[in-house]
Amino acid sequence: MNKRQEKVLVATLCGLVIAVTAGFVVQPVMAAGYDVGQPAQVSRVAPWDVLQVRKWPASYSRKVGSFGPGTPVWVERCIEVAKSSDWCLVDNDETRGWVNSRYLSPLGGRDI
């Protein structure tokens, strides 16, 4: 194999890795979702701990903030995640992002 063929092979493999990685990153955002539009509060978080708020609905996504136990939030919408808890887009005027729904309790109305 000559240098030119090696470069083409490396470029092809890099493109394949990028395409596969992009598929995993984009997948949670394209999941089925449902509107919630109700207030909730952070629950099931230890008094000394915080709930991490993520940029996208995935545990590996970049952190954009955190909420302490009992923090009131507005739940805009949630997405369904197979074999796991749903992720919800929340806002409290200071921080907006995605949290796992298992750490939210409704302040009124229907369950999240």
N, C-alpha and C. Protein backbone atom coordinates (compact mmCIF):
# COMPACT_ATOMS: atom_id res chain seq x y z
N MET A 1 0.85 -1.17 0.00
CA MET A 1 0.00 0.00 0.00
C MET A 1 0.90 1.24 0.00
N ASN A 2 0.62 2.15 -0.94
CA ASN A 2 1.44 3.36 -1.00
C ASN A 2 0.84 4.46 -0.11
N LYS A 3 1.56 5.58 -0.02
CA LYS A 3 1.16 6.68 0.87
C LYS A 3 -0.22 7.24 0.51
N ARG A 4 -0.49 7.36 -0.79
CA ARG A 4 -1.77 7.91 -1.23
C ARG A 4 -2.92 7.00 -0.78
N GLN A 5 -2.77 5.72 -0.91
CA GLN A 5 -3.80 4.78 -0.49
C GLN A 5 -4.00 4.82 1.03
N GLU A 6 -2.90 4.97 1.76
CA GLU A 6 -3.00 5.08 3.22
C GLU A 6 -3.81 6.30 3.62
N LYS A 7 -3.53 7.44 2.95
CA LYS A 7 -4.26 8.67 3.27
C LYS A 7 -5.75 8.52 2.98
N VAL A 8 -6.09 7.90 1.87
CA VAL A 8 -7.50 7.69 1.52
C VAL A 8 -8.16 6.77 2.54
N LEU A 9 -7.47 5.73 2.96
CA LEU A 9 -8.00 4.80 3.95
C LEU A 9 -8.23 5.50 5.29
N VAL A 10 -7.27 6.28 5.74
CA VAL A 10 -7.39 7.00 7.01
C VAL A 10 -8.53 8.01 6.93
N ALA A 11 -8.65 8.75 5.84
CA ALA A 11 -9.73 9.73 5.68
C ALA A 11 -11.09 9.05 5.68
N THR A 12 -11.19 7.91 5.03
CA THR A 12 -12.45 7.16 4.99
C THR A 12 -12.83 6.67 6.38
N LEU A 13 -11.87 6.14 7.11
CA LEU A 13 -12.15 5.66 8.46
C LEU A 13 -12.55 6.81 9.39
N CYS A 14 -11.89 7.94 9.26
CA CYS A 14 -12.25 9.11 10.07
C CYS A 14 -13.67 9.57 9.76
N GLY A 15 -14.04 9.59 8.49
CA GLY A 15 -15.39 9.97 8.11
C GLY A 15 -16.42 9.01 8.66
N LEU A 16 -16.11 7.73 8.64
CA LEU A 16 -17.01 6.73 9.19
C LEU A 16 -17.21 6.91 10.69
N VAL A 17 -16.12 7.16 11.41
CA VAL A 17 -16.20 7.38 12.85
C VAL A 17 -17.05 8.61 13.16
N ILE A 18 -16.86 9.68 12.41
CA ILE A 18 -17.64 10.91 12.63
C ILE A 18 -19.11 10.67 12.36
N ALA A 19 -19.43 9.95 11.29
CA ALA A 19 -20.83 9.67 10.94
C ALA A 19 -21.51 8.82 12.01
N VAL A 20 -20.84 7.81 12.51
CA VAL A 20 -21.41 6.95 13.54
C VAL A 20 -21.59 7.73 14.84
N THR A 21 -20.61 8.52 15.22
CA THR A 21 -20.70 9.32 16.44
C THR A 21 -21.85 10.32 16.34
N ALA A 22 -22.00 10.96 15.21
CA ALA A 22 -23.09 11.93 15.02
C ALA A 22 -24.45 11.24 15.18
N GLY A 23 -24.57 10.01 14.74
CA GLY A 23 -25.81 9.26 14.89
C GLY A 23 -26.17 9.07 16.35
N PHE A 24 -25.21 8.79 17.20
CA PHE A 24 -25.48 8.62 18.63
C PHE A 24 -25.81 9.94 19.30
N VAL A 25 -25.17 11.00 18.91
CA VAL A 25 -25.39 12.30 19.53
C VAL A 25 -26.75 12.86 19.15
N VAL A 26 -27.16 12.70 17.91
CA VAL A 26 -28.42 13.26 17.43
C VAL A 26 -29.61 12.42 17.88
N GLN A 27 -29.43 11.16 18.11
CA GLN A 27 -30.53 10.26 18.41
C GLN A 27 -31.44 10.69 19.55
N PRO A 28 -30.94 11.12 20.74
CA PRO A 28 -31.87 11.48 21.81
C PRO A 28 -32.79 12.64 21.47
N VAL A 29 -32.32 13.60 20.72
CA VAL A 29 -33.12 14.76 20.40
C VAL A 29 -34.25 14.40 19.46
N MET A 30 -34.08 13.38 18.63
CA MET A 30 -35.09 12.99 17.68
C MET A 30 -36.10 11.99 18.26
N ALA A 31 -35.97 11.64 19.53
CA ALA A 31 -36.88 10.68 20.15
C ALA A 31 -38.28 11.27 20.27
N ALA A 32 -39.29 10.39 20.37
CA ALA A 32 -40.67 10.84 20.53
C ALA A 32 -40.81 11.66 21.80
N GLY A 33 -41.60 12.71 21.75
CA GLY A 33 -41.74 13.58 22.91
C GLY A 33 -43.18 13.92 23.20
N TYR A 34 -43.41 14.60 24.31
CA TYR A 34 -44.74 15.06 24.68
C TYR A 34 -44.63 16.35 25.48
N ASP A 35 -45.58 17.23 25.26
CA ASP A 35 -45.62 18.51 25.97
C ASP A 35 -46.12 18.30 27.39
N VAL A 36 -45.56 19.03 28.33
CA VAL A 36 -45.98 18.93 29.73
C VAL A 36 -46.59 20.26 30.16
N GLY A 37 -45.83 21.34 30.10
CA GLY A 37 -46.33 22.66 30.43
C GLY A 37 -46.90 22.78 31.83
N GLN A 38 -46.10 22.41 32.82
CA GLN A 38 -46.55 22.51 34.21
C GLN A 38 -45.38 22.70 35.15
N PRO A 39 -45.63 23.24 36.35
CA PRO A 39 -44.55 23.41 37.33
C PRO A 39 -44.22 22.09 38.01
N ALA A 40 -42.97 22.00 38.44
CA ALA A 40 -42.50 20.82 39.18
C ALA A 40 -41.41 21.29 40.13
N GLN A 41 -40.91 20.36 40.92
CA GLN A 41 -39.77 20.66 41.77
C GLN A 41 -38.80 19.50 41.73
N VAL A 42 -37.54 19.82 41.99
CA VAL A 42 -36.50 18.80 42.02
C VAL A 42 -36.71 17.94 43.27
N SER A 43 -36.73 16.64 43.09
CA SER A 43 -36.94 15.71 44.21
C SER A 43 -36.00 14.52 44.09
N ARG A 44 -35.96 13.72 45.12
CA ARG A 44 -35.12 12.52 45.16
C ARG A 44 -33.63 12.83 44.95
N VAL A 45 -33.22 14.03 45.38
CA VAL A 45 -31.82 14.43 45.35
C VAL A 45 -31.42 14.66 46.81
N ALA A 46 -30.30 14.08 47.23
CA ALA A 46 -29.84 14.22 48.62
C ALA A 46 -29.65 15.69 48.97
N PRO A 47 -29.86 16.05 50.24
CA PRO A 47 -29.75 17.46 50.66
C PRO A 47 -28.40 18.10 50.33
N TRP A 48 -27.35 17.34 50.27
CA TRP A 48 -26.01 17.88 50.00
C TRP A 48 -25.63 17.79 48.51
N ASP A 49 -26.54 17.26 47.70
CA ASP A 49 -26.23 17.02 46.29
C ASP A 49 -27.01 17.98 45.39
N VAL A 50 -26.75 17.95 44.09
CA VAL A 50 -27.47 18.75 43.10
C VAL A 50 -27.84 17.88 41.91
N LEU A 51 -28.85 18.33 41.19
CA LEU A 51 -29.26 17.69 39.94
C LEU A 51 -28.59 18.44 38.80
N GLN A 52 -27.80 17.73 38.01
CA GLN A 52 -27.11 18.36 36.89
C GLN A 52 -28.09 18.63 35.76
N VAL A 53 -28.00 19.82 35.19
CA VAL A 53 -28.81 20.20 34.03
C VAL A 53 -27.93 20.09 32.81
N ARG A 54 -28.43 19.42 31.76
CA ARG A 54 -27.63 19.12 30.56
C ARG A 54 -28.10 19.92 29.35
N LYS A 55 -27.20 20.16 28.43
CA LYS A 55 -27.53 20.88 27.20
C LYS A 55 -28.47 20.06 26.33
N TRP A 56 -28.27 18.76 26.26
CA TRP A 56 -29.09 17.84 25.47
C TRP A 56 -29.58 16.73 26.38
N PRO A 57 -30.61 15.99 26.00
CA PRO A 57 -31.18 14.94 26.85
C PRO A 57 -30.34 13.65 26.86
N ALA A 58 -29.18 13.72 27.48
CA ALA A 58 -28.30 12.56 27.59
C ALA A 58 -27.31 12.80 28.73
N SER A 59 -27.01 11.75 29.46
CA SER A 59 -26.12 11.89 30.62
C SER A 59 -24.70 12.30 30.24
N TYR A 60 -24.31 12.06 29.01
CA TYR A 60 -22.96 12.43 28.56
C TYR A 60 -22.91 13.84 27.98
N SER A 61 -24.06 14.53 27.92
CA SER A 61 -24.11 15.88 27.36
C SER A 61 -23.45 16.88 28.31
N ARG A 62 -23.04 18.01 27.77
CA ARG A 62 -22.38 19.08 28.53
C ARG A 62 -23.31 19.62 29.62
N LYS A 63 -22.76 19.85 30.80
CA LYS A 63 -23.52 20.44 31.90
C LYS A 63 -23.68 21.93 31.66
N VAL A 64 -24.91 22.44 31.89
CA VAL A 64 -25.17 23.87 31.73
C VAL A 64 -25.57 24.52 33.05
N GLY A 65 -25.69 23.72 34.10
CA GLY A 65 -26.06 24.25 35.40
C GLY A 65 -26.47 23.12 36.33
N SER A 66 -27.05 23.50 37.46
CA SER A 66 -27.51 22.50 38.42
C SER A 66 -28.63 23.08 39.26
N PHE A 67 -29.45 22.19 39.83
CA PHE A 67 -30.54 22.57 40.71
C PHE A 67 -30.40 21.83 42.03
N GLY A 68 -30.61 22.52 43.12
CA GLY A 68 -30.61 21.89 44.42
C GLY A 68 -31.95 21.22 44.70
N PRO A 69 -32.02 20.39 45.73
CA PRO A 69 -33.28 19.73 46.09
C PRO A 69 -34.37 20.77 46.37
N GLY A 70 -35.57 20.49 45.88
CA GLY A 70 -36.70 21.38 46.11
C GLY A 70 -36.79 22.58 45.19
N THR A 71 -35.84 22.75 44.29
CA THR A 71 -35.86 23.88 43.36
C THR A 71 -37.09 23.81 42.47
N PRO A 72 -37.90 24.87 42.41
CA PRO A 72 -39.05 24.86 41.51
C PRO A 72 -38.60 25.13 40.07
N VAL A 73 -39.18 24.41 39.13
CA VAL A 73 -38.85 24.56 37.71
C VAL A 73 -40.14 24.48 36.89
N TRP A 74 -40.08 24.99 35.69
CA TRP A 74 -41.17 24.84 34.73
C TRP A 74 -40.76 23.74 33.76
N VAL A 75 -41.61 22.72 33.61
CA VAL A 75 -41.33 21.61 32.69
C VAL A 75 -42.03 21.91 31.38
N GLU A 76 -41.23 22.15 30.35
CA GLU A 76 -41.78 22.50 29.04
C GLU A 76 -42.25 21.26 28.29
N ARG A 77 -41.35 20.31 28.15
CA ARG A 77 -41.67 19.08 27.43
C ARG A 77 -40.73 17.98 27.86
N CYS A 78 -41.10 16.75 27.54
CA CYS A 78 -40.26 15.59 27.86
C CYS A 78 -40.15 14.71 26.63
N ILE A 79 -39.12 13.89 26.60
CA ILE A 79 -38.98 12.90 25.53
C ILE A 79 -38.95 11.52 26.14
N GLU A 80 -39.49 10.56 25.42
CA GLU A 80 -39.53 9.18 25.87
C GLU A 80 -38.21 8.51 25.55
N VAL A 81 -37.70 7.75 26.52
CA VAL A 81 -36.45 7.02 26.33
C VAL A 81 -36.75 5.56 26.64
N ALA A 82 -36.55 4.69 25.67
CA ALA A 82 -36.83 3.26 25.86
C ALA A 82 -35.94 2.67 26.94
N LYS A 83 -36.53 1.88 27.82
CA LYS A 83 -35.82 1.16 28.88
C LYS A 83 -35.08 2.09 29.84
N SER A 84 -35.59 3.30 30.04
CA SER A 84 -34.97 4.27 30.94
C SER A 84 -36.01 5.31 31.32
N SER A 85 -35.63 6.25 32.17
CA SER A 85 -36.51 7.36 32.52
C SER A 85 -36.51 8.38 31.39
N ASP A 86 -37.61 9.11 31.27
CA ASP A 86 -37.70 10.16 30.27
C ASP A 86 -36.79 11.34 30.65
N TRP A 87 -36.49 12.18 29.68
CA TRP A 87 -35.75 13.42 29.91
C TRP A 87 -36.68 14.58 29.67
N CYS A 88 -36.60 15.60 30.53
CA CYS A 88 -37.49 16.75 30.43
C CYS A 88 -36.70 18.05 30.27
N LEU A 89 -37.22 18.93 29.42
CA LEU A 89 -36.66 20.26 29.23
C LEU A 89 -37.28 21.17 30.28
N VAL A 90 -36.44 21.72 31.17
CA VAL A 90 -36.92 22.53 32.29
C VAL A 90 -36.27 23.91 32.27
N ASP A 91 -36.92 24.84 32.99
CA ASP A 91 -36.44 26.22 33.04
C ASP A 91 -36.82 26.80 34.41
N ASN A 92 -35.91 27.58 35.00
CA ASN A 92 -36.25 28.27 36.25
C ASN A 92 -35.81 29.73 36.21
N ASP A 93 -35.83 30.34 35.08
CA ASP A 93 -35.44 31.75 34.84
C ASP A 93 -33.94 31.97 34.85
N GLU A 94 -33.18 31.12 35.51
CA GLU A 94 -31.72 31.25 35.54
C GLU A 94 -31.04 30.19 34.68
N THR A 95 -31.61 29.01 34.66
CA THR A 95 -31.01 27.88 33.95
C THR A 95 -32.08 27.17 33.13
N ARG A 96 -31.73 26.80 31.90
CA ARG A 96 -32.63 26.06 31.03
C ARG A 96 -31.85 24.89 30.45
N GLY A 97 -32.43 23.69 30.54
CA GLY A 97 -31.77 22.52 29.99
C GLY A 97 -32.56 21.26 30.30
N TRP A 98 -31.92 20.13 30.10
CA TRP A 98 -32.56 18.82 30.22
C TRP A 98 -32.15 18.12 31.51
N VAL A 99 -33.14 17.51 32.18
CA VAL A 99 -32.90 16.71 33.38
C VAL A 99 -33.65 15.40 33.25
N ASN A 100 -33.21 14.40 33.99
CA ASN A 100 -33.89 13.11 34.00
C ASN A 100 -35.20 13.25 34.79
N SER A 101 -36.28 12.76 34.23
CA SER A 101 -37.60 12.95 34.83
C SER A 101 -37.76 12.28 36.19
N ARG A 102 -36.92 11.29 36.49
CA ARG A 102 -37.06 10.62 37.80
C ARG A 102 -36.76 11.55 38.96
N TYR A 103 -36.13 12.70 38.68
CA TYR A 103 -35.80 13.65 39.73
C TYR A 103 -36.75 14.85 39.78
N LEU A 104 -37.93 14.69 39.17
CA LEU A 104 -38.93 15.75 39.18
C LEU A 104 -40.22 15.25 39.80
N SER A 105 -40.86 16.11 40.58
CA SER A 105 -42.19 15.82 41.16
C SER A 105 -43.11 16.97 40.77
N PRO A 106 -44.31 16.66 40.28
CA PRO A 106 -45.23 17.74 39.87
C PRO A 106 -45.69 18.57 41.07
N LEU A 107 -45.89 19.86 40.84
CA LEU A 107 -46.42 20.74 41.88
C LEU A 107 -47.94 20.86 41.77
N GLY A 108 -48.52 20.25 40.80
CA GLY A 108 -49.97 20.27 40.58
C GLY A 108 -50.28 19.66 39.24
N GLY A 109 -51.48 19.21 39.08
CA GLY A 109 -51.85 18.63 37.79
C GLY A 109 -51.40 17.20 37.66
N ARG A 110 -51.19 16.79 36.44
CA ARG A 110 -50.87 15.39 36.16
C ARG A 110 -49.40 15.06 36.43
N ASP A 111 -49.11 13.76 36.48
CA ASP A 111 -47.73 13.31 36.68
C ASP A 111 -46.88 13.68 35.48
N ILE A 112 -45.58 13.80 35.73
CA ILE A 112 -44.63 14.11 34.67
C ILE A 112 -44.21 12.82 34.00
